Amino acid sequence: MLHGWIILDKPRGLGSTQAVGAVKRNLREAGYGKVKVGHGGTLDPEAEGVLPIALGEATKLCGRMLDSDKTYEFTIQFGEETDTLDAESEVVARSDRRPPLAAIAAICEHFTGPIEQVPPKYSALKVDGKRAYDLARAGQDVDLEKRAVTIHSLEFLGPDLSAEGVSAFDTVAGRPDPYDPQMPLELADSVTLVAHVSKGTYIRSLARDVAHALGTVGHVTYLRRIKAGPFVQEQAISLDKLNEIGKGAPLQDHLLPLEAGLDGIPALALDPDSAQAARQGRVVSGLPHPDGLYFAKLGDTPVALVELEGGQMKVVRGFNV
């Protein structure tokens, strides 16, 4: 049985469900048979980047991954706002105003911390039991309420590198330095930002609101998730490498262990009796550890995610490994 994570560098144009299907297909072609597979957080088809794919018992951690923080790199094109807030639909508003770079750098602080945002009407949120994007495509008015999210950080990276046909992801070392107050006043047609955000944050809405705060309109032309929970883009494999696994390439070169999804949660070593009790869902008492969440193991074998309180251990989520 396979238990762990494949971190896929999802390309544009591929949906998250399609990505899960691609993993299933390649594992089947590689001879692994039927494997339980799930993803750790939907990524829009027109976005690219880090998509954690859970295998086997790691799928029990997908809910935690959905609740985790994410980090995105995105480009706002100023001057036009579209229906979907990205480059895939018609323009609904135009403005000749182009913000100065100094104003863009300064506005980032305004959007840092707890904020409220209205999600895009083209989103998967449900309104009266129906998806908002289905209602919007049918020409119906979609009225979504503001929701509270947190922008942990919003960093200004300077002019858009992709304007010259160069991916910012491919040229990390060549990125411009953050804003220097001594640089001359310069107007921007577009800008690339990096946002570290809480769950439920819509980057397209953030881009819209940043543009409005700068006295103009805009939409997202480039969106890449560079971190999801503990997983970063350096751990991600391309769709081509995934397809190579289906043709016989070693899976272990790219399979991360189940506990990789529990980064920051301390391990708790159990003896065989305590491990057996945990597997049976029984409370274990007399553990001399501080209260909190732990990843319980028997040797190298995952046993459960457990909660300790007052020396008593209760199982939060058991692993059948």
Protein backbone atom coordinates (compact mmCIF):
# COMPACT_ATOMS: atom_id res chain seq x y z
CA MET A 1 0.00 0.00 0.00
CA LEU A 2 1.10 3.54 -0.78
CA HIS A 3 0.84 6.21 1.91
CA GLY A 4 2.26 9.68 1.45
CA TRP A 5 2.27 12.72 -0.78
CA ILE A 6 3.05 13.56 -4.37
CA ILE A 7 3.41 17.31 -4.80
CA LEU A 8 2.35 18.18 -8.33
CA ASP A 9 3.37 21.34 -10.13
CA LYS A 10 -0.06 21.72 -11.71
CA PRO A 11 0.04 23.37 -15.14
CA ARG A 12 -2.46 25.93 -16.34
CA GLY A 13 -5.55 24.47 -17.95
CA LEU A 14 -5.68 21.41 -15.72
CA GLY A 15 -8.33 21.20 -13.00
CA SER A 16 -7.56 19.83 -9.55
CA THR A 17 -9.90 16.86 -10.08
CA GLN A 18 -8.19 16.15 -13.39
CA ALA A 19 -4.83 16.24 -11.60
CA VAL A 20 -6.06 13.63 -9.12
CA GLY A 21 -7.20 11.53 -12.08
CA ALA A 22 -3.76 11.84 -13.69
CA VAL A 23 -2.10 10.56 -10.51
CA LYS A 24 -4.52 7.63 -10.29
CA ARG A 25 -3.93 6.74 -13.93
CA ASN A 26 -0.16 6.82 -13.65
CA LEU A 27 -0.12 4.77 -10.46
CA ARG A 28 -2.38 2.21 -12.11
CA GLU A 29 -0.15 2.09 -15.20
CA ALA A 30 2.88 1.68 -12.93
CA GLY A 31 1.27 -1.43 -11.43
CA TYR A 32 0.25 -0.10 -8.02
CA GLY A 33 -3.37 -1.10 -8.47
CA LYS A 34 -6.17 0.77 -6.77
CA VAL A 35 -4.85 3.56 -4.52
CA LYS A 36 -6.95 6.05 -2.58
CA VAL A 37 -6.04 9.53 -3.86
CA GLY A 38 -7.14 13.03 -2.87
CA HIS A 39 -5.91 16.59 -3.17
CA GLY A 40 -5.06 19.09 -0.46
CA GLY A 41 -6.78 22.21 -1.74
CA THR A 42 -8.41 23.15 -5.05
CA LEU A 43 -6.33 25.21 -7.44
CA ASP A 44 -8.17 27.08 -10.22
CA PRO A 45 -7.70 25.57 -13.70
CA GLU A 46 -6.09 28.81 -14.90
CA ALA A 47 -3.69 28.86 -11.95
CA GLU A 48 -0.49 26.85 -11.73
CA GLY A 49 1.78 25.58 -9.01
CA VAL A 50 1.78 23.53 -5.83
CA LEU A 51 -1.02 20.97 -5.57
CA PRO A 52 -0.50 18.41 -2.77
CA ILE A 53 -1.83 14.99 -3.79
CA ALA A 54 -2.41 12.58 -0.91
CA LEU A 55 -2.11 8.80 -1.28
CA GLY A 56 -3.56 6.14 0.98
CA GLU A 57 -3.81 7.10 4.65
CA ALA A 58 -2.43 10.56 3.89
CA THR A 59 -5.87 11.36 2.44
CA LYS A 60 -7.06 11.58 6.07
CA LEU A 61 -4.97 14.76 6.32
CA CYS A 62 -6.52 16.50 3.31
CA GLY A 63 -8.93 18.40 5.56
CA ARG A 64 -6.00 19.84 7.52
CA MET A 65 -4.37 20.84 4.25
CA LEU A 66 -7.54 22.65 3.15
CA ASP A 67 -7.38 24.70 6.35
CA SER A 68 -3.70 25.58 5.99
CA ASP A 69 -2.19 28.85 4.81
CA LYS A 70 -1.18 29.27 1.19
CA THR A 71 1.31 31.52 -0.62
CA TYR A 72 0.71 32.83 -4.14
CA GLU A 73 2.65 34.82 -6.69
CA PHE A 74 0.35 36.77 -8.99
CA THR A 75 0.38 39.53 -11.58
CA ILE A 76 -2.21 42.30 -11.78
CA GLN A 77 -2.75 43.92 -15.18
CA PHE A 78 -4.06 47.44 -14.64
CA GLY A 79 -6.57 49.22 -16.86
CA GLU A 80 -9.16 46.49 -17.40
CA GLU A 81 -11.42 44.55 -15.05
CA THR A 82 -13.01 41.37 -16.36
CA ASP A 83 -16.11 39.44 -15.43
CA THR A 84 -14.11 36.57 -13.92
CA LEU A 85 -11.32 38.85 -12.58
CA ASP A 86 -8.78 36.95 -14.69
CA ALA A 87 -7.84 36.89 -18.36
CA GLU A 88 -10.48 34.34 -19.37
CA SER A 89 -13.55 36.54 -19.89
CA GLU A 90 -14.84 39.81 -21.28
CA VAL A 91 -13.86 43.25 -20.01
CA VAL A 92 -16.51 44.90 -17.84
CA ALA A 93 -14.65 48.08 -16.79
CA ARG A 94 -11.76 50.18 -18.09
CA SER A 95 -9.55 52.92 -16.69
CA ASP A 96 -6.76 55.01 -18.16
CA ARG A 97 -5.15 55.49 -14.75
CA ARG A 98 -1.88 53.68 -14.10
CA PRO A 99 -0.62 53.68 -10.49
CA PRO A 100 2.94 54.70 -9.61
CA LEU A 101 5.20 51.96 -8.27
CA ALA A 102 5.57 53.88 -5.01
CA ALA A 103 1.80 53.77 -4.48
CA ILE A 104 1.68 50.03 -5.18
CA ALA A 105 4.41 49.35 -2.63
CA ALA A 106 2.65 51.52 -0.05
CA ILE A 107 -0.79 49.96 -0.59
CA CYS A 108 0.49 46.49 0.35
CA GLU A 109 0.50 47.41 4.04
CA HIS A 110 -3.14 48.49 3.78
CA PHE A 111 -4.11 44.95 2.74
CA THR A 112 -1.99 43.16 5.35
CA GLY A 113 -3.72 41.62 8.37
CA PRO A 114 -7.39 40.70 8.87
CA ILE A 115 -9.51 42.03 6.00
CA GLU A 116 -12.92 41.42 4.45
CA GLN A 117 -13.36 40.59 0.79
CA VAL A 118 -16.22 39.77 -1.53
CA PRO A 119 -15.46 36.51 -3.40
CA PRO A 120 -15.61 36.50 -7.20
CA LYS A 121 -19.05 35.70 -8.57
CA TYR A 122 -17.26 33.11 -10.71
CA SER A 123 -16.34 30.90 -7.76
CA ALA A 124 -17.35 27.50 -6.41
CA LEU A 125 -19.22 28.97 -3.45
CA LYS A 126 -22.84 27.92 -3.20
CA VAL A 127 -25.80 30.31 -3.36
CA ASP A 128 -29.14 28.70 -2.50
CA GLY A 129 -27.61 25.31 -3.16
CA LYS A 130 -26.12 26.19 -6.55
CA ARG A 131 -22.54 27.04 -7.51
CA ALA A 132 -21.99 30.76 -7.94
CA TYR A 133 -20.21 30.26 -11.27
CA ASP A 134 -23.16 28.28 -12.65
CA LEU A 135 -25.53 31.12 -11.75
CA ALA A 136 -23.16 33.72 -13.21
CA ARG A 137 -22.79 31.78 -16.47
CA ALA A 138 -26.58 31.59 -16.69
CA GLY A 139 -26.71 35.39 -16.57
CA GLN A 140 -28.18 35.60 -13.08
CA ASP A 141 -27.12 38.22 -10.55
CA VAL A 142 -24.85 36.71 -7.91
CA ASP A 143 -24.76 38.49 -4.57
CA LEU A 144 -22.01 37.06 -2.35
CA GLU A 145 -21.44 38.29 1.17
CA LYS A 146 -18.15 39.62 2.45
CA ARG A 147 -16.00 37.10 4.25
CA ALA A 148 -13.22 37.57 6.78
CA VAL A 149 -9.75 36.40 5.72
CA THR A 150 -6.20 37.16 6.79
CA ILE A 151 -3.38 38.40 4.58
CA HIS A 152 -0.29 37.49 6.59
CA SER A 153 2.00 39.31 4.19
CA LEU A 154 1.77 41.05 0.81
CA GLU A 155 5.09 41.70 -0.87
CA PHE A 156 5.76 43.97 -3.82
CA LEU A 157 8.17 42.41 -6.32
CA GLY A 158 8.36 45.17 -8.89
CA PRO A 159 7.50 45.24 -12.60
CA ASP A 160 6.00 42.16 -14.18
CA LEU A 161 8.72 39.83 -15.48
CA SER A 162 6.24 37.94 -17.62
CA ALA A 163 5.70 41.10 -19.70
CA GLU A 164 8.93 40.11 -21.46
CA GLY A 165 7.80 36.52 -21.87
CA VAL A 166 9.83 35.31 -18.88
CA SER A 167 8.20 33.33 -16.09
CA ALA A 168 8.93 34.76 -12.66
CA PHE A 169 9.09 31.16 -11.41
CA ASP A 170 11.92 30.36 -13.82
CA THR A 171 13.94 33.45 -12.92
CA VAL A 172 13.91 33.54 -9.14
CA ALA A 173 17.46 34.87 -9.02
CA GLY A 174 16.60 37.56 -11.55
CA ARG A 175 13.64 39.08 -9.74
CA PRO A 176 13.85 42.82 -9.13
CA ASP A 177 14.56 43.94 -5.60
CA PRO A 178 11.62 45.08 -3.45
CA TYR A 179 10.65 48.71 -3.70
CA ASP A 180 13.42 51.21 -3.01
CA PRO A 181 12.12 54.63 -1.89
CA GLN A 182 14.99 56.24 -3.81
CA MET A 183 13.84 54.86 -7.16
CA PRO A 184 12.31 57.42 -9.54
CA LEU A 185 8.52 57.74 -9.87
CA GLU A 186 7.36 55.26 -12.49
CA LEU A 187 3.87 54.25 -13.56
CA ALA A 188 3.03 50.56 -13.82
CA ASP A 189 0.92 48.79 -16.42
CA SER A 190 1.19 45.65 -14.28
CA VAL A 191 2.75 44.45 -11.07
CA THR A 192 3.71 41.14 -9.49
CA LEU A 193 2.93 40.51 -5.82
CA VAL A 194 3.45 37.63 -3.42
CA ALA A 195 0.69 37.00 -0.86
CA HIS A 196 0.81 34.68 2.15
CA VAL A 197 -2.85 34.17 3.00
CA SER A 198 -5.27 32.25 5.21
CA LYS A 199 -7.70 29.66 3.93
CA GLY A 200 -10.65 31.03 1.98
CA THR A 201 -8.74 33.95 0.46
CA TYR A 202 -9.47 34.68 -3.20
CA ILE A 203 -6.46 36.13 -4.97
CA ARG A 204 -8.62 37.42 -7.82
CA SER A 205 -10.66 39.42 -5.31
CA LEU A 206 -7.48 40.69 -3.67
CA ALA A 207 -6.19 41.86 -7.06
CA ARG A 208 -9.49 43.62 -7.81
CA ASP A 209 -9.48 45.37 -4.45
CA VAL A 210 -5.82 46.43 -4.72
CA ALA A 211 -6.53 47.96 -8.12
CA HIS A 212 -9.60 49.80 -6.79
CA ALA A 213 -7.60 51.13 -3.84
CA LEU A 214 -5.08 52.51 -6.33
CA GLY A 215 -7.83 54.37 -8.16
CA THR A 216 -7.99 52.06 -11.16
CA VAL A 217 -9.19 48.61 -12.20
CA GLY A 218 -7.31 45.42 -12.92
CA HIS A 219 -7.40 41.66 -13.31
CA VAL A 220 -5.09 38.69 -12.73
CA THR A 221 -3.03 37.57 -15.70
CA TYR A 222 -0.67 35.18 -13.87
CA LEU A 223 -1.32 33.12 -10.73
CA ARG A 224 1.03 30.59 -9.19
CA ARG A 225 0.74 28.87 -5.83
CA ILE A 226 4.25 28.59 -4.46
CA LYS A 227 3.40 27.07 -1.07
CA ALA A 228 0.49 25.07 0.38
CA GLY A 229 0.74 24.27 4.07
CA PRO A 230 4.23 22.80 4.58
CA PHE A 231 4.76 22.00 0.88
CA VAL A 232 6.81 24.31 -1.35
CA GLN A 233 7.34 24.52 -5.10
CA GLU A 234 10.84 23.04 -4.86
CA GLN A 235 9.20 19.73 -3.86
CA ALA A 236 6.79 19.73 -6.78
CA ILE A 237 7.12 17.54 -9.86
CA SER A 238 5.89 18.36 -13.34
CA LEU A 239 3.15 16.52 -15.18
CA ASP A 240 5.88 15.07 -17.44
CA LYS A 241 7.66 13.54 -14.44
CA LEU A 242 4.36 12.17 -13.19
CA ASN A 243 3.82 10.53 -16.57
CA GLU A 244 7.31 9.01 -16.34
CA ILE A 245 6.22 7.23 -13.15
CA GLY A 246 3.43 5.63 -15.15
CA LYS A 247 6.08 4.39 -17.57
CA GLY A 248 8.21 2.81 -14.85
CA ALA A 249 10.27 5.61 -13.29
CA PRO A 250 10.84 5.11 -9.52
CA LEU A 251 7.96 6.53 -7.49
CA GLN A 252 10.03 6.66 -4.29
CA ASP A 253 12.13 9.46 -5.78
CA HIS A 254 9.07 11.73 -5.54
CA LEU A 255 6.88 10.24 -2.78
CA LEU A 256 6.98 12.20 0.48
CA PRO A 257 6.06 10.39 3.72
CA LEU A 258 2.66 10.74 5.35
CA GLU A 259 4.11 12.86 8.16
CA ALA A 260 5.32 15.46 5.67
CA GLY A 261 1.79 16.82 5.88
CA LEU A 262 2.19 17.29 9.64
CA ASP A 263 5.14 19.66 9.59
CA GLY A 264 5.40 21.51 12.91
CA ILE A 265 3.54 18.83 14.90
CA PRO A 266 5.93 17.04 17.30
CA ALA A 267 6.33 13.28 17.14
CA LEU A 268 5.34 11.08 20.06
CA ALA A 269 7.02 7.67 20.39
CA LEU A 270 4.68 4.95 21.64
CA ASP A 271 5.42 1.52 23.06
CA PRO A 272 3.59 -1.46 21.55
CA ASP A 273 0.88 -1.48 24.25
CA SER A 274 0.13 2.25 23.85
CA ALA A 275 0.15 1.90 20.06
CA GLN A 276 -2.35 -0.97 20.27
CA ALA A 277 -4.58 1.07 22.58
CA ALA A 278 -4.46 4.02 20.18
CA ARG A 279 -5.37 1.79 17.24
CA GLN A 280 -8.38 0.60 19.18
CA GLY A 281 -9.40 4.16 19.98
CA ARG A 282 -8.78 3.77 23.73
CA VAL A 283 -7.54 6.59 25.95
CA VAL A 284 -3.95 6.23 27.16
CA SER A 285 -3.12 7.83 30.53
CA GLY A 286 0.03 8.78 32.41
CA LEU A 287 2.00 10.35 29.56
CA PRO A 288 4.51 12.95 30.87
CA HIS A 289 4.24 15.33 27.92
CA PRO A 290 2.91 18.89 27.58
CA ASP A 291 -0.66 19.29 26.37
CA GLY A 292 -1.12 19.62 22.63
CA LEU A 293 -1.34 17.84 19.29
CA TYR A 294 1.15 15.06 18.51
CA PHE A 295 1.99 12.66 15.71
CA ALA A 296 2.11 9.28 17.43
CA LYS A 297 4.42 6.60 16.00
CA LEU A 298 5.52 3.07 16.81
CA GLY A 299 9.09 3.05 15.63
CA ASP A 300 8.87 4.43 12.08
CA THR A 301 5.22 3.41 11.62
CA PRO A 302 2.55 6.14 11.84
CA VAL A 303 -0.14 5.29 14.38
CA ALA A 304 -2.36 8.33 14.87
CA LEU A 305 -2.72 12.05 15.22
CA VAL A 306 -3.44 12.46 18.93
CA GLU A 307 -4.35 15.14 21.45
CA LEU A 308 -2.70 15.17 24.89
CA GLU A 309 -4.40 16.86 27.81
CA GLY A 310 -3.47 16.34 31.44
CA GLY A 311 -1.34 13.32 30.57
CA GLN A 312 -4.19 11.60 28.72
CA MET A 313 -3.88 10.78 25.02
CA LYS A 314 -6.96 10.73 22.82
CA VAL A 315 -6.94 9.81 19.15
CA VAL A 316 -7.89 12.58 16.72
CA ARG A 317 -7.25 10.61 13.56
CA GLY A 318 -5.97 7.04 13.33
CA PHE A 319 -3.79 5.70 10.50
CA ASN A 320 -4.16 2.14 9.22
CA VAL A 321 -0.58 1.64 8.12
